[in-house]
Amino acid sequence: MPLPLLRSSHLTLFAVIAALFFALALWMSRQGADVEPMPWLTTWGTDVIEPLADDQLSLTQLAGQAPGELWLQPRADGPRLVYRAQLDREEGAWRLEAQLGLTASEHESLARALGKSTDEQPLSGAMLDQLGGHRVAVLNLVPMAVIPAERIVASLGAPRLRLRTGEGEAWIYPRQGLSVHLLDDQVQLLHLVPREAMKH
């Protein structure tokens, strides 16, 4: 049975559609080429992100990359030790907060030292040095400037998984223990934990 012949109008339509797809692909490739990576984040992949993913990042290592202060923070579930710093980068400042991993006895000791106080307390530089060997359990980076999501891809590659959240989207990088929280295609938070913790 002979196949029906395509009309010239159909051929024209197909040609227009093909041209549109080609133009769209070309535009997207040029857009991607214009996105600059963040060099410091690439460096942090080796110096901070990978050691933290392996549960091997110490406070001393982190302080070497981002000088800051150690704070004692009261909480309903027990006091925490948090390290805070500000990163000034080409794209703008980032606010850093890291939580240290503590043993049960250390939690009890901090609770006794804090008493009934509900105020955060800065700790001395000597205390920071004394606790320098403690591992970092959680690290959060909050941008203070507008960071397009494409810059994360340009710096770290495409995420393994993309999840819808209540107010936006989360990009998951399981090998790095990293989740990138987005709202309207802008970075809101980089959340880093050891790789094993991400599995739970």
N, C-alpha and C. Protein backbone atom coordinates (compact mmCIF):
# COMPACT_ATOMS: atom_id res chain seq x y z
N MET A 1 0.85 -1.19 0.00
CA MET A 1 0.00 0.00 0.00
C MET A 1 0.89 1.24 0.00
N PRO A 2 0.73 2.11 -0.96
CA PRO A 2 1.60 3.28 -1.05
C PRO A 2 1.37 4.24 0.12
N LEU A 3 2.46 4.84 0.59
CA LEU A 3 2.37 5.81 1.68
C LEU A 3 1.84 7.13 1.15
N PRO A 4 1.06 7.85 1.97
CA PRO A 4 0.53 9.13 1.51
C PRO A 4 1.66 10.15 1.35
N LEU A 5 1.56 10.97 0.33
CA LEU A 5 2.56 11.99 0.06
C LEU A 5 2.38 13.17 1.02
N LEU A 6 3.52 13.71 1.48
CA LEU A 6 3.47 14.89 2.32
C LEU A 6 3.22 16.12 1.47
N ARG A 7 2.33 16.94 1.92
CA ARG A 7 2.08 18.18 1.22
C ARG A 7 3.21 19.18 1.48
N SER A 8 3.36 20.12 0.59
CA SER A 8 4.42 21.12 0.73
C SER A 8 4.22 21.94 2.01
N SER A 9 2.95 22.14 2.42
CA SER A 9 2.69 22.90 3.64
C SER A 9 3.20 22.14 4.86
N HIS A 10 3.09 20.80 4.82
CA HIS A 10 3.61 19.99 5.92
C HIS A 10 5.12 20.08 5.99
N LEU A 11 5.77 20.02 4.84
CA LEU A 11 7.22 20.11 4.81
C LEU A 11 7.69 21.46 5.36
N THR A 12 6.98 22.50 5.01
CA THR A 12 7.33 23.83 5.51
C THR A 12 7.19 23.90 7.03
N LEU A 13 6.11 23.29 7.55
CA LEU A 13 5.89 23.28 8.99
C LEU A 13 7.00 22.53 9.72
N PHE A 14 7.36 21.37 9.17
CA PHE A 14 8.45 20.60 9.78
C PHE A 14 9.76 21.39 9.77
N ALA A 15 10.02 22.09 8.70
CA ALA A 15 11.25 22.87 8.59
C ALA A 15 11.28 23.99 9.61
N VAL A 16 10.12 24.63 9.81
CA VAL A 16 10.04 25.72 10.79
C VAL A 16 10.27 25.18 12.20
N ILE A 17 9.63 24.04 12.52
CA ILE A 17 9.80 23.44 13.85
C ILE A 17 11.25 23.05 14.10
N ALA A 18 11.88 22.45 13.07
CA ALA A 18 13.28 22.06 13.21
C ALA A 18 14.16 23.28 13.43
N ALA A 19 13.89 24.35 12.73
CA ALA A 19 14.68 25.57 12.88
C ALA A 19 14.51 26.17 14.27
N LEU A 20 13.27 26.11 14.81
CA LEU A 20 13.02 26.63 16.14
C LEU A 20 13.78 25.82 17.19
N PHE A 21 13.75 24.49 17.07
CA PHE A 21 14.47 23.64 18.02
C PHE A 21 15.97 23.91 17.96
N PHE A 22 16.49 24.09 16.76
CA PHE A 22 17.91 24.36 16.60
C PHE A 22 18.28 25.69 17.25
N ALA A 23 17.44 26.70 17.02
CA ALA A 23 17.70 28.02 17.59
C ALA A 23 17.64 27.98 19.12
N LEU A 24 16.66 27.21 19.67
CA LEU A 24 16.54 27.08 21.12
C LEU A 24 17.76 26.39 21.71
N ALA A 25 18.21 25.30 21.06
CA ALA A 25 19.38 24.58 21.55
C ALA A 25 20.62 25.47 21.51
N LEU A 26 20.76 26.25 20.44
CA LEU A 26 21.91 27.14 20.31
C LEU A 26 21.88 28.21 21.40
N TRP A 27 20.69 28.76 21.66
CA TRP A 27 20.55 29.80 22.70
C TRP A 27 20.88 29.24 24.07
N MET A 28 20.40 28.02 24.36
CA MET A 28 20.68 27.41 25.67
C MET A 28 22.16 27.12 25.84
N SER A 29 22.81 26.68 24.77
CA SER A 29 24.24 26.40 24.88
C SER A 29 25.04 27.67 25.12
N ARG A 30 24.62 28.76 24.48
CA ARG A 30 25.30 30.03 24.69
C ARG A 30 25.05 30.57 26.10
N GLN A 31 23.82 30.36 26.61
CA GLN A 31 23.52 30.78 27.97
C GLN A 31 24.40 30.05 28.96
N GLY A 32 24.54 28.73 28.77
CA GLY A 32 25.37 27.95 29.68
C GLY A 32 26.82 28.37 29.63
N ALA A 33 27.29 28.76 28.39
CA ALA A 33 28.68 29.15 28.24
C ALA A 33 28.97 30.47 28.97
N ASP A 34 27.96 31.31 29.15
CA ASP A 34 28.14 32.60 29.79
C ASP A 34 28.19 32.50 31.31
N VAL A 35 27.82 31.36 31.88
CA VAL A 35 27.78 31.21 33.34
C VAL A 35 29.19 30.89 33.85
N GLU A 36 29.65 31.73 34.77
CA GLU A 36 30.99 31.54 35.33
C GLU A 36 30.93 30.68 36.58
N PRO A 37 31.84 29.72 36.71
CA PRO A 37 31.91 28.96 37.98
C PRO A 37 32.45 29.84 39.09
N MET A 38 32.31 29.36 40.32
CA MET A 38 32.88 30.05 41.48
C MET A 38 34.15 29.30 41.87
N PRO A 39 35.32 29.82 41.53
CA PRO A 39 36.58 29.08 41.75
C PRO A 39 36.78 28.61 43.18
N TRP A 40 36.38 29.44 44.15
CA TRP A 40 36.59 29.06 45.55
C TRP A 40 35.80 27.81 45.92
N LEU A 41 34.61 27.65 45.30
CA LEU A 41 33.79 26.48 45.61
C LEU A 41 34.43 25.22 45.03
N THR A 42 35.07 25.36 43.89
CA THR A 42 35.80 24.23 43.32
C THR A 42 36.95 23.82 44.24
N THR A 43 37.67 24.81 44.77
CA THR A 43 38.76 24.53 45.70
C THR A 43 38.24 23.89 46.98
N TRP A 44 37.12 24.39 47.47
CA TRP A 44 36.51 23.82 48.67
C TRP A 44 36.10 22.37 48.46
N GLY A 45 35.87 21.97 47.22
CA GLY A 45 35.53 20.58 46.95
C GLY A 45 36.58 19.64 47.49
N THR A 46 37.86 20.04 47.38
CA THR A 46 38.96 19.22 47.87
C THR A 46 39.27 19.48 49.33
N ASP A 47 39.23 20.75 49.74
CA ASP A 47 39.71 21.14 51.07
C ASP A 47 38.66 21.04 52.17
N VAL A 48 37.37 21.14 51.80
CA VAL A 48 36.31 21.16 52.80
C VAL A 48 35.22 20.13 52.52
N ILE A 49 34.66 20.15 51.31
CA ILE A 49 33.49 19.32 51.02
C ILE A 49 33.81 17.83 51.10
N GLU A 50 34.90 17.41 50.46
CA GLU A 50 35.24 15.98 50.49
C GLU A 50 35.60 15.49 51.89
N PRO A 51 36.45 16.21 52.65
CA PRO A 51 36.71 15.76 54.03
C PRO A 51 35.45 15.70 54.89
N LEU A 52 34.56 16.67 54.74
CA LEU A 52 33.31 16.63 55.51
C LEU A 52 32.45 15.45 55.08
N ALA A 53 32.38 15.20 53.79
CA ALA A 53 31.60 14.05 53.30
C ALA A 53 32.14 12.74 53.87
N ASP A 54 33.46 12.69 54.08
CA ASP A 54 34.10 11.49 54.67
C ASP A 54 34.06 11.51 56.19
N ASP A 55 33.41 12.53 56.79
CA ASP A 55 33.34 12.69 58.24
C ASP A 55 34.73 12.86 58.84
N GLN A 56 35.59 13.59 58.11
CA GLN A 56 36.97 13.77 58.55
C GLN A 56 37.39 15.24 58.63
N LEU A 57 36.44 16.17 58.51
CA LEU A 57 36.79 17.58 58.54
C LEU A 57 36.86 18.07 59.98
N SER A 58 38.00 18.61 60.38
CA SER A 58 38.16 19.11 61.75
C SER A 58 37.88 20.61 61.79
N LEU A 59 37.63 21.10 63.00
CA LEU A 59 37.43 22.53 63.18
C LEU A 59 38.66 23.31 62.75
N THR A 60 39.85 22.81 63.05
CA THR A 60 41.08 23.49 62.65
C THR A 60 41.16 23.63 61.14
N GLN A 61 40.82 22.57 60.41
CA GLN A 61 40.84 22.63 58.95
C GLN A 61 39.86 23.67 58.42
N LEU A 62 38.66 23.70 58.99
CA LEU A 62 37.66 24.66 58.55
C LEU A 62 38.10 26.08 58.86
N ALA A 63 38.64 26.30 60.07
CA ALA A 63 39.08 27.64 60.45
C ALA A 63 40.22 28.12 59.56
N GLY A 64 41.01 27.18 59.05
CA GLY A 64 42.07 27.56 58.13
C GLY A 64 41.55 28.09 56.82
N GLN A 65 40.38 27.62 56.41
CA GLN A 65 39.75 28.08 55.17
C GLN A 65 38.86 29.30 55.39
N ALA A 66 38.30 29.43 56.59
CA ALA A 66 37.35 30.51 56.88
C ALA A 66 37.53 30.95 58.34
N PRO A 67 38.42 31.89 58.62
CA PRO A 67 38.63 32.35 60.00
C PRO A 67 37.34 32.90 60.61
N GLY A 68 37.06 32.49 61.85
CA GLY A 68 35.81 32.92 62.48
C GLY A 68 35.86 32.75 63.98
N GLU A 69 34.69 32.58 64.58
CA GLU A 69 34.56 32.49 66.03
C GLU A 69 33.73 31.28 66.43
N LEU A 70 34.00 30.78 67.63
CA LEU A 70 33.27 29.66 68.19
C LEU A 70 32.26 30.19 69.21
N TRP A 71 31.05 29.66 69.16
CA TRP A 71 29.97 30.10 70.04
C TRP A 71 29.34 28.91 70.75
N LEU A 72 28.91 29.17 71.99
CA LEU A 72 28.12 28.20 72.74
C LEU A 72 26.65 28.61 72.60
N GLN A 73 25.86 27.72 72.06
CA GLN A 73 24.47 28.05 71.70
C GLN A 73 23.50 27.18 72.50
N PRO A 74 22.67 27.81 73.36
CA PRO A 74 21.67 27.03 74.10
C PRO A 74 20.52 26.60 73.20
N ARG A 75 20.04 25.39 73.41
CA ARG A 75 18.89 24.87 72.65
C ARG A 75 18.06 23.97 73.55
N ALA A 76 16.81 23.80 73.17
CA ALA A 76 15.91 22.97 73.98
C ALA A 76 16.39 21.52 74.04
N ASP A 77 17.03 21.05 72.97
CA ASP A 77 17.51 19.66 72.93
C ASP A 77 18.95 19.53 73.41
N GLY A 78 19.48 20.58 74.02
CA GLY A 78 20.84 20.54 74.54
C GLY A 78 21.72 21.56 73.84
N PRO A 79 22.74 22.08 74.54
CA PRO A 79 23.59 23.12 73.96
C PRO A 79 24.43 22.58 72.80
N ARG A 80 24.81 23.50 71.92
CA ARG A 80 25.64 23.15 70.78
C ARG A 80 26.84 24.08 70.72
N LEU A 81 27.90 23.60 70.12
CA LEU A 81 29.03 24.43 69.78
C LEU A 81 28.96 24.72 68.29
N VAL A 82 28.89 25.99 67.93
CA VAL A 82 28.80 26.36 66.52
C VAL A 82 29.94 27.31 66.17
N TYR A 83 30.45 27.13 64.98
CA TYR A 83 31.52 27.96 64.46
C TYR A 83 30.94 28.86 63.38
N ARG A 84 31.22 30.16 63.47
CA ARG A 84 30.65 31.12 62.53
C ARG A 84 31.74 31.94 61.86
N ALA A 85 31.52 32.19 60.59
CA ALA A 85 32.48 32.99 59.82
C ALA A 85 31.74 33.64 58.66
N GLN A 86 32.41 34.58 58.03
CA GLN A 86 31.87 35.18 56.81
C GLN A 86 32.89 35.03 55.70
N LEU A 87 32.43 34.56 54.55
CA LEU A 87 33.30 34.42 53.39
C LEU A 87 33.00 35.58 52.44
N ASP A 88 34.02 36.35 52.12
CA ASP A 88 33.87 37.43 51.15
C ASP A 88 34.44 36.95 49.82
N ARG A 89 33.56 36.76 48.87
CA ARG A 89 33.95 36.23 47.57
C ARG A 89 33.55 37.18 46.45
N GLU A 90 34.01 36.86 45.25
CA GLU A 90 33.76 37.72 44.09
C GLU A 90 32.28 37.95 43.86
N GLU A 91 31.45 36.90 44.07
CA GLU A 91 30.02 37.02 43.81
C GLU A 91 29.26 37.63 44.99
N GLY A 92 29.93 37.88 46.10
CA GLY A 92 29.29 38.44 47.28
C GLY A 92 29.67 37.65 48.53
N ALA A 93 29.15 38.06 49.66
CA ALA A 93 29.49 37.42 50.93
C ALA A 93 28.59 36.21 51.18
N TRP A 94 29.14 35.25 51.93
CA TRP A 94 28.41 34.07 52.39
C TRP A 94 28.53 34.01 53.91
N ARG A 95 27.44 33.68 54.57
CA ARG A 95 27.44 33.48 56.02
C ARG A 95 27.61 31.98 56.29
N LEU A 96 28.62 31.64 57.06
CA LEU A 96 28.93 30.23 57.36
C LEU A 96 28.60 29.93 58.81
N GLU A 97 27.97 28.80 59.03
CA GLU A 97 27.76 28.29 60.39
C GLU A 97 27.95 26.78 60.37
N ALA A 98 28.82 26.30 61.26
CA ALA A 98 29.12 24.87 61.34
C ALA A 98 28.86 24.38 62.75
N GLN A 99 28.28 23.21 62.85
CA GLN A 99 28.02 22.59 64.15
C GLN A 99 29.06 21.50 64.39
N LEU A 100 29.65 21.50 65.58
CA LEU A 100 30.65 20.50 65.92
C LEU A 100 30.01 19.24 66.46
N GLY A 101 30.62 18.11 66.14
CA GLY A 101 30.18 16.84 66.70
C GLY A 101 30.69 16.70 68.13
N LEU A 102 29.81 16.36 69.06
CA LEU A 102 30.16 16.24 70.48
C LEU A 102 29.74 14.89 71.03
N THR A 103 30.47 14.43 72.04
CA THR A 103 30.09 13.20 72.72
C THR A 103 29.01 13.51 73.75
N ALA A 104 28.39 12.47 74.30
CA ALA A 104 27.35 12.67 75.31
C ALA A 104 27.91 13.37 76.54
N SER A 105 29.12 12.99 76.96
CA SER A 105 29.72 13.62 78.14
C SER A 105 30.04 15.09 77.87
N GLU A 106 30.43 15.41 76.65
CA GLU A 106 30.70 16.81 76.31
C GLU A 106 29.41 17.62 76.31
N HIS A 107 28.32 17.03 75.84
CA HIS A 107 27.02 17.71 75.91
C HIS A 107 26.65 18.01 77.37
N GLU A 108 26.85 17.03 78.25
CA GLU A 108 26.52 17.22 79.66
C GLU A 108 27.39 18.31 80.28
N SER A 109 28.66 18.33 79.94
CA SER A 109 29.57 19.33 80.47
C SER A 109 29.17 20.74 80.01
N LEU A 110 28.78 20.85 78.76
CA LEU A 110 28.34 22.15 78.24
C LEU A 110 27.05 22.60 78.92
N ALA A 111 26.15 21.67 79.15
CA ALA A 111 24.88 22.01 79.79
C ALA A 111 25.13 22.54 81.20
N ARG A 112 26.08 21.94 81.92
CA ARG A 112 26.40 22.42 83.27
C ARG A 112 27.03 23.81 83.21
N ALA A 113 27.91 24.01 82.23
CA ALA A 113 28.58 25.31 82.10
C ALA A 113 27.59 26.41 81.71
N LEU A 114 26.62 26.05 80.91
CA LEU A 114 25.64 27.04 80.44
C LEU A 114 24.61 27.36 81.51
N GLY A 115 24.29 26.37 82.35
CA GLY A 115 23.27 26.57 83.38
C GLY A 115 21.91 26.88 82.78
N LYS A 116 21.23 27.86 83.31
CA LYS A 116 19.90 28.21 82.82
C LYS A 116 19.93 29.38 81.83
N SER A 117 21.11 29.78 81.44
CA SER A 117 21.24 30.90 80.51
C SER A 117 20.61 30.55 79.16
N THR A 118 19.97 31.53 78.56
CA THR A 118 19.37 31.34 77.23
C THR A 118 20.09 32.21 76.19
N ASP A 119 21.20 32.80 76.58
CA ASP A 119 21.95 33.67 75.68
C ASP A 119 23.14 32.92 75.08
N GLU A 120 23.38 33.18 73.81
CA GLU A 120 24.56 32.62 73.18
C GLU A 120 25.81 33.28 73.77
N GLN A 121 26.89 32.49 73.86
CA GLN A 121 28.12 33.00 74.46
C GLN A 121 29.29 32.76 73.51
N PRO A 122 30.03 33.82 73.16
CA PRO A 122 31.24 33.62 72.36
C PRO A 122 32.33 32.98 73.21
N LEU A 123 33.10 32.10 72.60
CA LEU A 123 34.19 31.45 73.31
C LEU A 123 35.52 32.03 72.85
N SER A 124 36.52 31.89 73.66
CA SER A 124 37.82 32.51 73.40
C SER A 124 38.55 31.79 72.27
N GLY A 125 39.56 32.48 71.74
CA GLY A 125 40.41 31.86 70.72
C GLY A 125 41.15 30.67 71.27
N ALA A 126 41.50 30.73 72.56
CA ALA A 126 42.18 29.58 73.19
C ALA A 126 41.28 28.36 73.21
N MET A 127 39.99 28.57 73.45
CA MET A 127 39.03 27.45 73.43
C MET A 127 38.89 26.89 72.02
N LEU A 128 38.91 27.77 71.03
CA LEU A 128 38.84 27.31 69.63
C LEU A 128 40.03 26.41 69.32
N ASP A 129 41.23 26.84 69.77
CA ASP A 129 42.42 26.01 69.54
C ASP A 129 42.31 24.68 70.27
N GLN A 130 41.77 24.72 71.50
CA GLN A 130 41.65 23.50 72.30
C GLN A 130 40.71 22.50 71.66
N LEU A 131 39.66 23.00 71.01
CA LEU A 131 38.66 22.13 70.39
C LEU A 131 38.91 21.91 68.90
N GLY A 132 40.08 22.33 68.43
CA GLY A 132 40.37 22.27 66.99
C GLY A 132 40.30 20.89 66.39
N GLY A 133 40.52 19.85 67.19
CA GLY A 133 40.48 18.50 66.65
C GLY A 133 39.09 17.93 66.49
N HIS A 134 38.08 18.62 67.03
CA HIS A 134 36.71 18.12 66.90
C HIS A 134 36.25 18.17 65.44
N ARG A 135 35.47 17.18 65.08
CA ARG A 135 34.99 17.12 63.70
C ARG A 135 33.79 18.04 63.49
N VAL A 136 33.65 18.49 62.26
CA VAL A 136 32.48 19.27 61.86
C VAL A 136 31.37 18.31 61.46
N ALA A 137 30.21 18.43 62.10
CA ALA A 137 29.09 17.52 61.83
C ALA A 137 28.13 18.07 60.77
N VAL A 138 27.95 19.38 60.75
CA VAL A 138 27.03 20.04 59.81
C VAL A 138 27.64 21.37 59.43
N LEU A 139 27.53 21.72 58.16
CA LEU A 139 28.02 23.03 57.71
C LEU A 139 26.97 23.65 56.80
N ASN A 140 26.60 24.89 57.10
CA ASN A 140 25.63 25.63 56.29
C ASN A 140 26.28 26.89 55.74
N LEU A 141 26.01 27.16 54.47
CA LEU A 141 26.47 28.38 53.82
C LEU A 141 25.26 29.10 53.25
N VAL A 142 25.06 30.35 53.67
CA VAL A 142 23.92 31.14 53.21
C VAL A 142 24.45 32.34 52.42
N PRO A 143 24.08 32.48 51.15
CA PRO A 143 24.57 33.63 50.37
C PRO A 143 23.89 34.92 50.80
N MET A 144 24.67 35.99 50.86
CA MET A 144 24.13 37.29 51.18
C MET A 144 23.82 38.11 49.92
N ALA A 145 24.17 37.56 48.78
CA ALA A 145 23.88 38.18 47.48
C ALA A 145 23.08 37.20 46.63
N VAL A 146 22.58 37.66 45.52
CA VAL A 146 21.81 36.80 44.61
C VAL A 146 22.79 35.90 43.85
N ILE A 147 22.61 34.59 44.00
CA ILE A 147 23.45 33.60 43.32
C ILE A 147 22.56 32.74 42.42
N PRO A 148 22.64 32.88 41.10
CA PRO A 148 21.83 32.03 40.22
C PRO A 148 22.21 30.56 40.37
N ALA A 149 21.21 29.71 40.25
CA ALA A 149 21.44 28.27 40.41
C ALA A 149 22.47 27.74 39.41
N GLU A 150 22.53 28.36 38.22
CA GLU A 150 23.45 27.88 37.18
C GLU A 150 24.90 27.95 37.62
N ARG A 151 25.22 28.84 38.55
CA ARG A 151 26.61 28.95 38.99
C ARG A 151 27.03 27.75 39.83
N ILE A 152 26.07 27.12 40.50
CA ILE A 152 26.37 25.89 41.23
C ILE A 152 26.70 24.78 40.25
N VAL A 153 25.91 24.66 39.19
CA VAL A 153 26.16 23.64 38.17
C VAL A 153 27.50 23.88 37.50
N ALA A 154 27.81 25.15 37.21
CA ALA A 154 29.09 25.47 36.58
C ALA A 154 30.27 25.13 37.49
N SER A 155 30.06 25.17 38.81
CA SER A 155 31.13 24.92 39.78
C SER A 155 31.24 23.45 40.17
N LEU A 156 30.09 22.77 40.34
CA LEU A 156 30.09 21.41 40.90
C LEU A 156 29.53 20.36 39.95
N GLY A 157 29.00 20.79 38.82
CA GLY A 157 28.36 19.85 37.91
C GLY A 157 26.87 19.71 38.21
N ALA A 158 26.18 18.92 37.40
CA ALA A 158 24.74 18.73 37.57
C ALA A 158 24.46 17.88 38.80
N PRO A 159 23.36 18.15 39.51
CA PRO A 159 23.03 17.35 40.70
C PRO A 159 22.58 15.95 40.31
N ARG A 160 22.75 15.01 41.23
CA ARG A 160 22.29 13.64 40.99
C ARG A 160 20.77 13.55 41.06
N LEU A 161 20.18 14.39 41.92
CA LEU A 161 18.74 14.31 42.16
C LEU A 161 18.19 15.71 42.39
N ARG A 162 16.97 15.93 41.90
CA ARG A 162 16.27 17.20 42.13
C ARG A 162 14.94 16.90 42.79
N LEU A 163 14.69 17.56 43.91
CA LEU A 163 13.46 17.32 44.67
C LEU A 163 12.69 18.61 44.84
N ARG A 164 11.37 18.52 44.71
CA ARG A 164 10.52 19.66 45.02
C ARG A 164 10.37 19.77 46.53
N THR A 165 10.47 20.99 47.03
CA THR A 165 10.26 21.24 48.46
C THR A 165 9.03 22.13 48.62
N GLY A 166 8.71 22.45 49.87
CA GLY A 166 7.50 23.24 50.11
C GLY A 166 7.52 24.58 49.42
N GLU A 167 8.70 25.22 49.35
CA GLU A 167 8.77 26.56 48.77
C GLU A 167 9.72 26.66 47.59
N GLY A 168 10.27 25.56 47.15
CA GLY A 168 11.22 25.65 46.05
C GLY A 168 11.70 24.29 45.61
N GLU A 169 13.02 24.14 45.56
CA GLU A 169 13.62 22.92 45.04
C GLU A 169 14.91 22.64 45.78
N ALA A 170 15.28 21.37 45.89
CA ALA A 170 16.55 20.96 46.49
C ALA A 170 17.32 20.12 45.48
N TRP A 171 18.55 20.49 45.25
CA TRP A 171 19.44 19.70 44.41
C TRP A 171 20.33 18.86 45.33
N ILE A 172 20.40 17.57 45.05
CA ILE A 172 21.12 16.64 45.92
C ILE A 172 22.39 16.15 45.21
N TYR A 173 23.51 16.26 45.92
CA TYR A 173 24.80 15.72 45.49
C TYR A 173 25.22 14.68 46.53
N PRO A 174 24.78 13.44 46.41
CA PRO A 174 25.00 12.45 47.48
C PRO A 174 26.48 12.18 47.77
N ARG A 175 27.32 12.11 46.75
CA ARG A 175 28.72 11.80 46.98
C ARG A 175 29.41 12.87 47.80
N GLN A 176 28.98 14.12 47.63
CA GLN A 176 29.57 15.22 48.38
C GLN A 176 28.85 15.50 49.70
N GLY A 177 27.74 14.79 49.98
CA GLY A 177 26.97 15.08 51.19
C GLY A 177 26.36 16.47 51.15
N LEU A 178 26.03 16.93 49.97
CA LEU A 178 25.60 18.32 49.77
C LEU A 178 24.18 18.39 49.24
N SER A 179 23.40 19.29 49.82
CA SER A 179 22.10 19.65 49.25
C SER A 179 22.08 21.16 49.04
N VAL A 180 21.62 21.56 47.87
CA VAL A 180 21.53 22.98 47.51
C VAL A 180 20.06 23.36 47.49
N HIS A 181 19.67 24.29 48.32
CA HIS A 181 18.27 24.69 48.41
C HIS A 181 18.05 25.96 47.58
N LEU A 182 17.02 25.89 46.72
CA LEU A 182 16.77 26.94 45.75
C LEU A 182 15.36 27.50 45.90
N LEU A 183 15.22 28.75 45.53
CA LEU A 183 13.92 29.40 45.45
C LEU A 183 13.96 30.33 44.24
N ASP A 184 13.04 30.11 43.30
CA ASP A 184 13.00 30.91 42.07
C ASP A 184 14.35 30.91 41.36
N ASP A 185 14.96 29.71 41.30
CA ASP A 185 16.24 29.52 40.61
C ASP A 185 17.39 30.33 41.21
N GLN A 186 17.27 30.67 42.49
CA GLN A 186 18.34 31.36 43.19
C GLN A 186 18.73 30.54 44.43
N VAL A 187 20.02 30.50 44.71
CA VAL A 187 20.54 29.71 45.83
C VAL A 187 20.16 30.36 47.15
N GLN A 188 19.57 29.56 48.04
CA GLN A 188 19.21 30.01 49.38
C GLN A 188 20.14 29.44 50.44
N LEU A 189 20.65 28.23 50.21
CA LEU A 189 21.43 27.55 51.24
C LEU A 189 22.24 26.41 50.63
N LEU A 190 23.49 26.27 51.07
CA LEU A 190 24.28 25.06 50.83
C LEU A 190 24.37 24.34 52.16
N HIS A 191 23.89 23.10 52.20
CA HIS A 191 23.84 22.32 53.44
C HIS A 191 24.71 21.09 53.26
N LEU A 192 25.75 20.96 54.09
CA LEU A 192 26.70 19.87 53.97
C LEU A 192 26.73 19.02 55.22
N VAL A 193 26.71 17.70 55.03
CA VAL A 193 26.80 16.75 56.13
C VAL A 193 27.67 15.59 55.67
N PRO A 194 28.14 14.74 56.58
CA PRO A 194 28.83 13.53 56.15
C PRO A 194 27.95 12.68 55.23
N ARG A 195 28.59 12.02 54.32
CA ARG A 195 27.87 11.23 53.30
C ARG A 195 26.94 10.21 53.95
N GLU A 196 27.38 9.55 55.01
CA GLU A 196 26.55 8.53 55.66
C GLU A 196 25.32 9.13 56.29
N ALA A 197 25.45 10.35 56.82
CA ALA A 197 24.29 11.01 57.46
C ALA A 197 23.21 11.32 56.45
N MET A 198 23.58 11.55 55.20
CA MET A 198 22.61 11.86 54.16
C MET A 198 21.75 10.66 53.82
N LYS A 199 22.23 9.45 54.13
CA LYS A 199 21.49 8.24 53.79
C LYS A 199 20.34 7.98 54.76
N HIS A 200 20.36 8.62 55.92
CA HIS A 200 19.34 8.34 56.95
C HIS A 200 18.14 9.26 56.78
